[in-house]
Amino acid sequence: QVQLVESGGGLVQPGGSLRLSCAASGFTFSSGYGYWYRQAHGKPRERVALITSGGTTNSAGAVKGRFTISRDNAKNTVYLQMDSLKFDDTAVYHCNVVLTGNAYWGKGTLVNVSS
């Protein structure tokens, strides 16, 4: 059964850090691209970061310099390290893996930045 499961979300104060994980099962994603998206309440979904199969990364302007995407192929896992969190980072964060034309999505994990 193909599955992506995100974890690591929660409540954090502004300026704090969280590390999200996305564990894949049912397939090997080492040759796929990994993405993190987020969707805040009442706003459209936006892409936060991506990592290619070769490890090249790209981040959205709003998070550049604060968020870092990485992957561990041995663990079939994609990570998102989030530092210097801001109120505007509050959203449900979803993991997405694209492999051989197929797109897989996780159910998401809530990140709530609040004082």
N, C-alpha and C. Protein backbone atom coordinates (compact mmCIF):
# COMPACT_ATOMS: atom_id res chain seq x y z
N GLN A 1 0.85 -1.19 0.00
CA GLN A 1 0.00 0.00 0.00
C GLN A 1 0.89 1.25 0.00
N VAL A 2 0.67 2.11 -0.98
CA VAL A 2 1.45 3.33 -1.08
C VAL A 2 0.94 4.34 -0.06
N GLN A 3 1.85 4.91 0.68
CA GLN A 3 1.45 5.83 1.73
C GLN A 3 2.56 6.84 2.02
N LEU A 4 2.15 8.09 2.28
CA LEU A 4 3.04 9.12 2.78
C LEU A 4 2.46 9.61 4.09
N VAL A 5 3.28 9.65 5.13
CA VAL A 5 2.80 10.08 6.43
C VAL A 5 3.69 11.19 6.95
N GLU A 6 3.09 12.36 7.16
CA GLU A 6 3.83 13.49 7.71
C GLU A 6 3.75 13.47 9.24
N SER A 7 4.78 14.02 9.85
CA SER A 7 4.80 14.18 11.30
C SER A 7 5.69 15.35 11.66
N GLY A 8 5.60 15.77 12.92
CA GLY A 8 6.47 16.83 13.40
C GLY A 8 5.82 18.18 13.55
N GLY A 9 4.58 18.31 13.14
CA GLY A 9 3.90 19.59 13.31
C GLY A 9 3.51 19.82 14.75
N GLY A 10 3.03 21.03 15.02
CA GLY A 10 2.60 21.36 16.37
C GLY A 10 2.54 22.84 16.60
N LEU A 11 2.44 23.21 17.86
CA LEU A 11 2.38 24.61 18.27
C LEU A 11 3.77 25.11 18.62
N VAL A 12 4.13 26.25 18.06
CA VAL A 12 5.46 26.80 18.30
C VAL A 12 5.35 28.32 18.36
N GLN A 13 6.21 28.94 19.16
CA GLN A 13 6.21 30.39 19.26
C GLN A 13 6.98 31.02 18.09
N PRO A 14 6.66 32.25 17.76
CA PRO A 14 7.43 32.93 16.71
C PRO A 14 8.92 32.90 17.03
N GLY A 15 9.71 32.65 16.02
CA GLY A 15 11.15 32.54 16.20
C GLY A 15 11.62 31.13 16.48
N GLY A 16 10.68 30.24 16.74
CA GLY A 16 11.02 28.87 17.06
C GLY A 16 11.28 28.01 15.83
N SER A 17 11.53 26.72 16.08
CA SER A 17 11.86 25.78 15.01
C SER A 17 11.03 24.51 15.13
N LEU A 18 10.80 23.91 13.99
CA LEU A 18 10.19 22.60 13.91
C LEU A 18 10.84 21.83 12.78
N ARG A 19 10.81 20.52 12.89
CA ARG A 19 11.30 19.67 11.81
C ARG A 19 10.19 18.72 11.41
N LEU A 20 9.75 18.85 10.17
CA LEU A 20 8.73 17.95 9.65
C LEU A 20 9.37 16.76 8.95
N SER A 21 8.72 15.62 9.08
CA SER A 21 9.18 14.42 8.40
C SER A 21 8.06 13.87 7.53
N CYS A 22 8.44 13.25 6.45
CA CYS A 22 7.48 12.62 5.55
C CYS A 22 8.02 11.24 5.21
N ALA A 23 7.41 10.23 5.78
CA ALA A 23 7.87 8.86 5.59
C ALA A 23 7.04 8.17 4.51
N ALA A 24 7.73 7.62 3.53
CA ALA A 24 7.06 6.92 2.44
C ALA A 24 7.09 5.42 2.67
N SER A 25 6.02 4.76 2.31
CA SER A 25 5.97 3.31 2.37
C SER A 25 5.22 2.79 1.16
N GLY A 26 5.54 1.57 0.78
CA GLY A 26 4.88 0.98 -0.38
C GLY A 26 5.57 1.26 -1.70
N PHE A 27 6.58 2.12 -1.67
CA PHE A 27 7.36 2.38 -2.87
C PHE A 27 8.70 2.96 -2.45
N THR A 28 9.66 2.93 -3.36
CA THR A 28 10.98 3.49 -3.11
C THR A 28 11.10 4.77 -3.90
N PHE A 29 11.29 5.87 -3.21
CA PHE A 29 11.23 7.15 -3.89
C PHE A 29 12.59 7.76 -4.20
N SER A 30 13.63 6.96 -4.13
CA SER A 30 14.98 7.50 -4.32
C SER A 30 15.16 8.19 -5.67
N SER A 31 14.41 7.79 -6.68
CA SER A 31 14.53 8.43 -7.99
C SER A 31 13.44 9.46 -8.22
N GLY A 32 12.66 9.76 -7.21
CA GLY A 32 11.58 10.73 -7.35
C GLY A 32 11.93 12.08 -6.78
N TYR A 33 11.10 13.06 -7.08
CA TYR A 33 11.23 14.39 -6.53
C TYR A 33 10.34 14.50 -5.28
N GLY A 34 10.83 15.19 -4.28
CA GLY A 34 10.06 15.42 -3.07
C GLY A 34 9.68 16.89 -2.93
N TYR A 35 8.48 17.15 -2.48
CA TYR A 35 7.99 18.52 -2.33
C TYR A 35 7.31 18.67 -0.96
N TRP A 36 7.36 19.89 -0.48
CA TRP A 36 6.51 20.29 0.65
C TRP A 36 5.63 21.44 0.16
N TYR A 37 4.34 21.31 0.45
CA TYR A 37 3.38 22.36 0.17
C TYR A 37 2.74 22.77 1.51
N ARG A 38 2.10 23.92 1.50
CA ARG A 38 1.34 24.32 2.67
C ARG A 38 0.07 25.04 2.23
N GLN A 39 -0.93 24.95 3.10
CA GLN A 39 -2.17 25.66 2.83
C GLN A 39 -2.68 26.28 4.12
N ALA A 40 -2.71 27.59 4.14
CA ALA A 40 -3.25 28.31 5.28
C ALA A 40 -4.75 28.47 5.11
N HIS A 41 -5.43 28.70 6.22
CA HIS A 41 -6.88 28.82 6.20
C HIS A 41 -7.31 29.94 5.27
N GLY A 42 -8.17 29.60 4.32
CA GLY A 42 -8.70 30.60 3.41
C GLY A 42 -7.77 31.03 2.29
N LYS A 43 -6.64 30.36 2.17
CA LYS A 43 -5.66 30.71 1.14
C LYS A 43 -5.40 29.52 0.23
N PRO A 44 -4.93 29.77 -0.98
CA PRO A 44 -4.62 28.66 -1.87
C PRO A 44 -3.36 27.91 -1.42
N ARG A 45 -3.24 26.69 -1.84
CA ARG A 45 -2.06 25.91 -1.52
C ARG A 45 -0.85 26.50 -2.24
N GLU A 46 0.28 26.51 -1.57
CA GLU A 46 1.50 27.03 -2.18
C GLU A 46 2.63 26.03 -1.96
N ARG A 47 3.53 25.99 -2.94
CA ARG A 47 4.69 25.13 -2.81
C ARG A 47 5.74 25.82 -1.96
N VAL A 48 6.26 25.09 -1.02
CA VAL A 48 7.24 25.64 -0.09
C VAL A 48 8.67 25.31 -0.53
N ALA A 49 8.90 24.04 -0.87
CA ALA A 49 10.26 23.63 -1.21
C ALA A 49 10.20 22.34 -2.02
N LEU A 50 11.27 22.11 -2.76
CA LEU A 50 11.39 20.86 -3.50
C LEU A 50 12.82 20.36 -3.44
N ILE A 51 12.96 19.05 -3.62
CA ILE A 51 14.29 18.44 -3.70
C ILE A 51 14.25 17.40 -4.81
N THR A 52 15.21 17.47 -5.70
CA THR A 52 15.27 16.54 -6.81
C THR A 52 15.87 15.21 -6.36
N SER A 53 15.84 14.26 -7.27
CA SER A 53 16.43 12.95 -6.96
C SER A 53 17.93 13.07 -6.74
N GLY A 54 18.54 14.08 -7.35
CA GLY A 54 19.97 14.28 -7.18
C GLY A 54 20.33 15.13 -5.98
N GLY A 55 19.31 15.64 -5.28
CA GLY A 55 19.58 16.41 -4.08
C GLY A 55 19.57 17.92 -4.27
N THR A 56 19.30 18.39 -5.48
CA THR A 56 19.19 19.83 -5.70
C THR A 56 17.90 20.34 -5.07
N THR A 57 17.99 21.49 -4.40
CA THR A 57 16.84 22.02 -3.68
C THR A 57 16.44 23.40 -4.20
N ASN A 58 15.21 23.75 -3.93
CA ASN A 58 14.69 25.06 -4.26
C ASN A 58 13.60 25.40 -3.26
N SER A 59 13.59 26.65 -2.81
CA SER A 59 12.60 27.07 -1.82
C SER A 59 11.87 28.31 -2.30
N ALA A 60 10.64 28.46 -1.82
CA ALA A 60 9.87 29.66 -2.15
C ALA A 60 10.50 30.88 -1.48
N GLY A 61 10.28 32.02 -2.10
CA GLY A 61 10.88 33.24 -1.58
C GLY A 61 10.52 33.54 -0.14
N ALA A 62 9.28 33.21 0.25
CA ALA A 62 8.81 33.54 1.59
C ALA A 62 9.54 32.77 2.69
N VAL A 63 10.15 31.64 2.32
CA VAL A 63 10.80 30.80 3.33
C VAL A 63 12.29 30.65 3.09
N LYS A 64 12.78 31.25 2.03
CA LYS A 64 14.19 31.09 1.68
C LYS A 64 15.07 31.61 2.81
N GLY A 65 16.06 30.81 3.16
CA GLY A 65 16.96 31.19 4.25
C GLY A 65 16.47 30.75 5.62
N ARG A 66 15.20 30.33 5.69
CA ARG A 66 14.65 29.87 6.98
C ARG A 66 14.28 28.38 6.96
N PHE A 67 13.83 27.88 5.82
CA PHE A 67 13.42 26.49 5.71
C PHE A 67 14.43 25.72 4.86
N THR A 68 14.68 24.47 5.23
CA THR A 68 15.61 23.62 4.49
C THR A 68 14.98 22.26 4.25
N ILE A 69 14.92 21.88 2.99
CA ILE A 69 14.40 20.56 2.64
C ILE A 69 15.57 19.60 2.46
N SER A 70 15.37 18.36 2.88
CA SER A 70 16.42 17.35 2.71
C SER A 70 15.75 15.99 2.57
N ARG A 71 16.56 15.00 2.25
CA ARG A 71 16.01 13.66 2.07
C ARG A 71 17.00 12.62 2.56
N ASP A 72 16.47 11.50 3.01
CA ASP A 72 17.28 10.35 3.39
C ASP A 72 16.70 9.17 2.64
N ASN A 73 17.32 8.81 1.54
CA ASN A 73 16.77 7.73 0.70
C ASN A 73 16.79 6.39 1.43
N ALA A 74 17.76 6.20 2.29
CA ALA A 74 17.83 4.94 3.03
C ALA A 74 16.63 4.77 3.95
N LYS A 75 16.09 5.90 4.40
CA LYS A 75 14.92 5.86 5.28
C LYS A 75 13.63 6.17 4.54
N ASN A 76 13.74 6.40 3.21
CA ASN A 76 12.54 6.73 2.43
C ASN A 76 11.80 7.92 3.02
N THR A 77 12.55 8.94 3.41
CA THR A 77 11.97 10.05 4.15
C THR A 77 12.46 11.38 3.61
N VAL A 78 11.54 12.34 3.55
CA VAL A 78 11.86 13.72 3.20
C VAL A 78 11.61 14.58 4.44
N TYR A 79 12.48 15.55 4.65
CA TYR A 79 12.37 16.40 5.83
C TYR A 79 12.20 17.87 5.43
N LEU A 80 11.63 18.63 6.34
CA LEU A 80 11.59 20.08 6.19
C LEU A 80 11.97 20.70 7.53
N GLN A 81 13.18 21.25 7.59
CA GLN A 81 13.64 21.96 8.78
C GLN A 81 13.16 23.40 8.69
N MET A 82 12.39 23.83 9.68
CA MET A 82 11.82 25.17 9.66
C MET A 82 12.36 25.97 10.85
N ASP A 83 13.07 27.02 10.57
CA ASP A 83 13.65 27.88 11.60
C ASP A 83 13.07 29.29 11.48
N SER A 84 13.25 30.06 12.54
CA SER A 84 12.78 31.45 12.57
C SER A 84 11.33 31.54 12.12
N LEU A 85 10.50 30.71 12.67
CA LEU A 85 9.11 30.64 12.26
C LEU A 85 8.36 31.93 12.55
N LYS A 86 7.43 32.27 11.65
CA LYS A 86 6.64 33.48 11.75
C LYS A 86 5.15 33.12 11.82
N PHE A 87 4.35 34.08 12.25
CA PHE A 87 2.91 33.86 12.29
C PHE A 87 2.39 33.39 10.92
N ASP A 88 2.90 33.98 9.85
CA ASP A 88 2.42 33.67 8.51
C ASP A 88 2.76 32.25 8.06
N ASP A 89 3.60 31.54 8.82
CA ASP A 89 3.93 30.16 8.47
C ASP A 89 2.87 29.18 8.95
N THR A 90 1.90 29.66 9.71
CA THR A 90 0.82 28.80 10.18
C THR A 90 0.04 28.23 9.01
N ALA A 91 -0.05 26.90 8.94
CA ALA A 91 -0.71 26.23 7.83
C ALA A 91 -0.68 24.73 8.05
N VAL A 92 -1.41 24.02 7.21
CA VAL A 92 -1.27 22.57 7.13
C VAL A 92 -0.21 22.29 6.07
N TYR A 93 0.79 21.52 6.44
CA TYR A 93 1.91 21.22 5.55
C TYR A 93 1.74 19.80 5.00
N HIS A 94 1.82 19.71 3.68
CA HIS A 94 1.65 18.43 3.00
C HIS A 94 2.93 18.03 2.27
N CYS A 95 3.20 16.75 2.32
CA CYS A 95 4.30 16.18 1.58
C CYS A 95 3.78 15.63 0.25
N ASN A 96 4.59 15.77 -0.78
CA ASN A 96 4.23 15.27 -2.11
C ASN A 96 5.47 14.65 -2.75
N VAL A 97 5.29 13.47 -3.31
CA VAL A 97 6.39 12.81 -4.02
C VAL A 97 5.91 12.49 -5.43
N VAL A 98 6.71 12.86 -6.41
CA VAL A 98 6.40 12.56 -7.81
C VAL A 98 7.42 11.56 -8.31
N LEU A 99 6.92 10.44 -8.80
CA LEU A 99 7.79 9.34 -9.21
C LEU A 99 7.19 8.67 -10.43
N THR A 100 7.95 8.64 -11.51
CA THR A 100 7.52 8.02 -12.78
C THR A 100 6.11 8.44 -13.18
N GLY A 101 5.85 9.74 -13.08
CA GLY A 101 4.56 10.26 -13.52
C GLY A 101 3.45 10.13 -12.52
N ASN A 102 3.70 9.49 -11.41
CA ASN A 102 2.68 9.36 -10.36
C ASN A 102 2.96 10.33 -9.23
N ALA A 103 1.90 10.94 -8.72
CA ALA A 103 2.04 11.88 -7.61
C ALA A 103 1.37 11.30 -6.37
N TYR A 104 2.10 11.30 -5.28
CA TYR A 104 1.61 10.78 -4.01
C TYR A 104 1.55 11.92 -3.00
N TRP A 105 0.49 11.91 -2.21
CA TRP A 105 0.28 12.98 -1.23
C TRP A 105 0.05 12.40 0.17
N GLY A 106 0.56 13.12 1.15
CA GLY A 106 0.24 12.80 2.52
C GLY A 106 -0.98 13.59 2.96
N LYS A 107 -1.50 13.27 4.15
CA LYS A 107 -2.70 13.95 4.65
C LYS A 107 -2.40 15.28 5.31
N GLY A 108 -1.15 15.50 5.63
CA GLY A 108 -0.77 16.79 6.18
C GLY A 108 -0.54 16.80 7.68
N THR A 109 0.21 17.81 8.10
CA THR A 109 0.45 18.02 9.52
C THR A 109 0.33 19.53 9.79
N LEU A 110 -0.34 19.87 10.88
CA LEU A 110 -0.61 21.27 11.19
C LEU A 110 0.56 21.92 11.92
N VAL A 111 0.97 23.06 11.41
CA VAL A 111 1.96 23.90 12.07
C VAL A 111 1.25 25.18 12.50
N ASN A 112 1.28 25.45 13.78
CA ASN A 112 0.60 26.62 14.34
C ASN A 112 1.62 27.49 15.05
N VAL A 113 1.90 28.64 14.46
CA VAL A 113 2.86 29.58 15.06
C VAL A 113 2.06 30.63 15.84
N SER A 114 2.20 30.58 17.13
CA SER A 114 1.39 31.46 17.97
C SER A 114 2.12 31.78 19.26
N SER A 115 1.87 32.98 19.77
CA SER A 115 2.45 33.35 21.06
C SER A 115 1.44 33.14 22.19
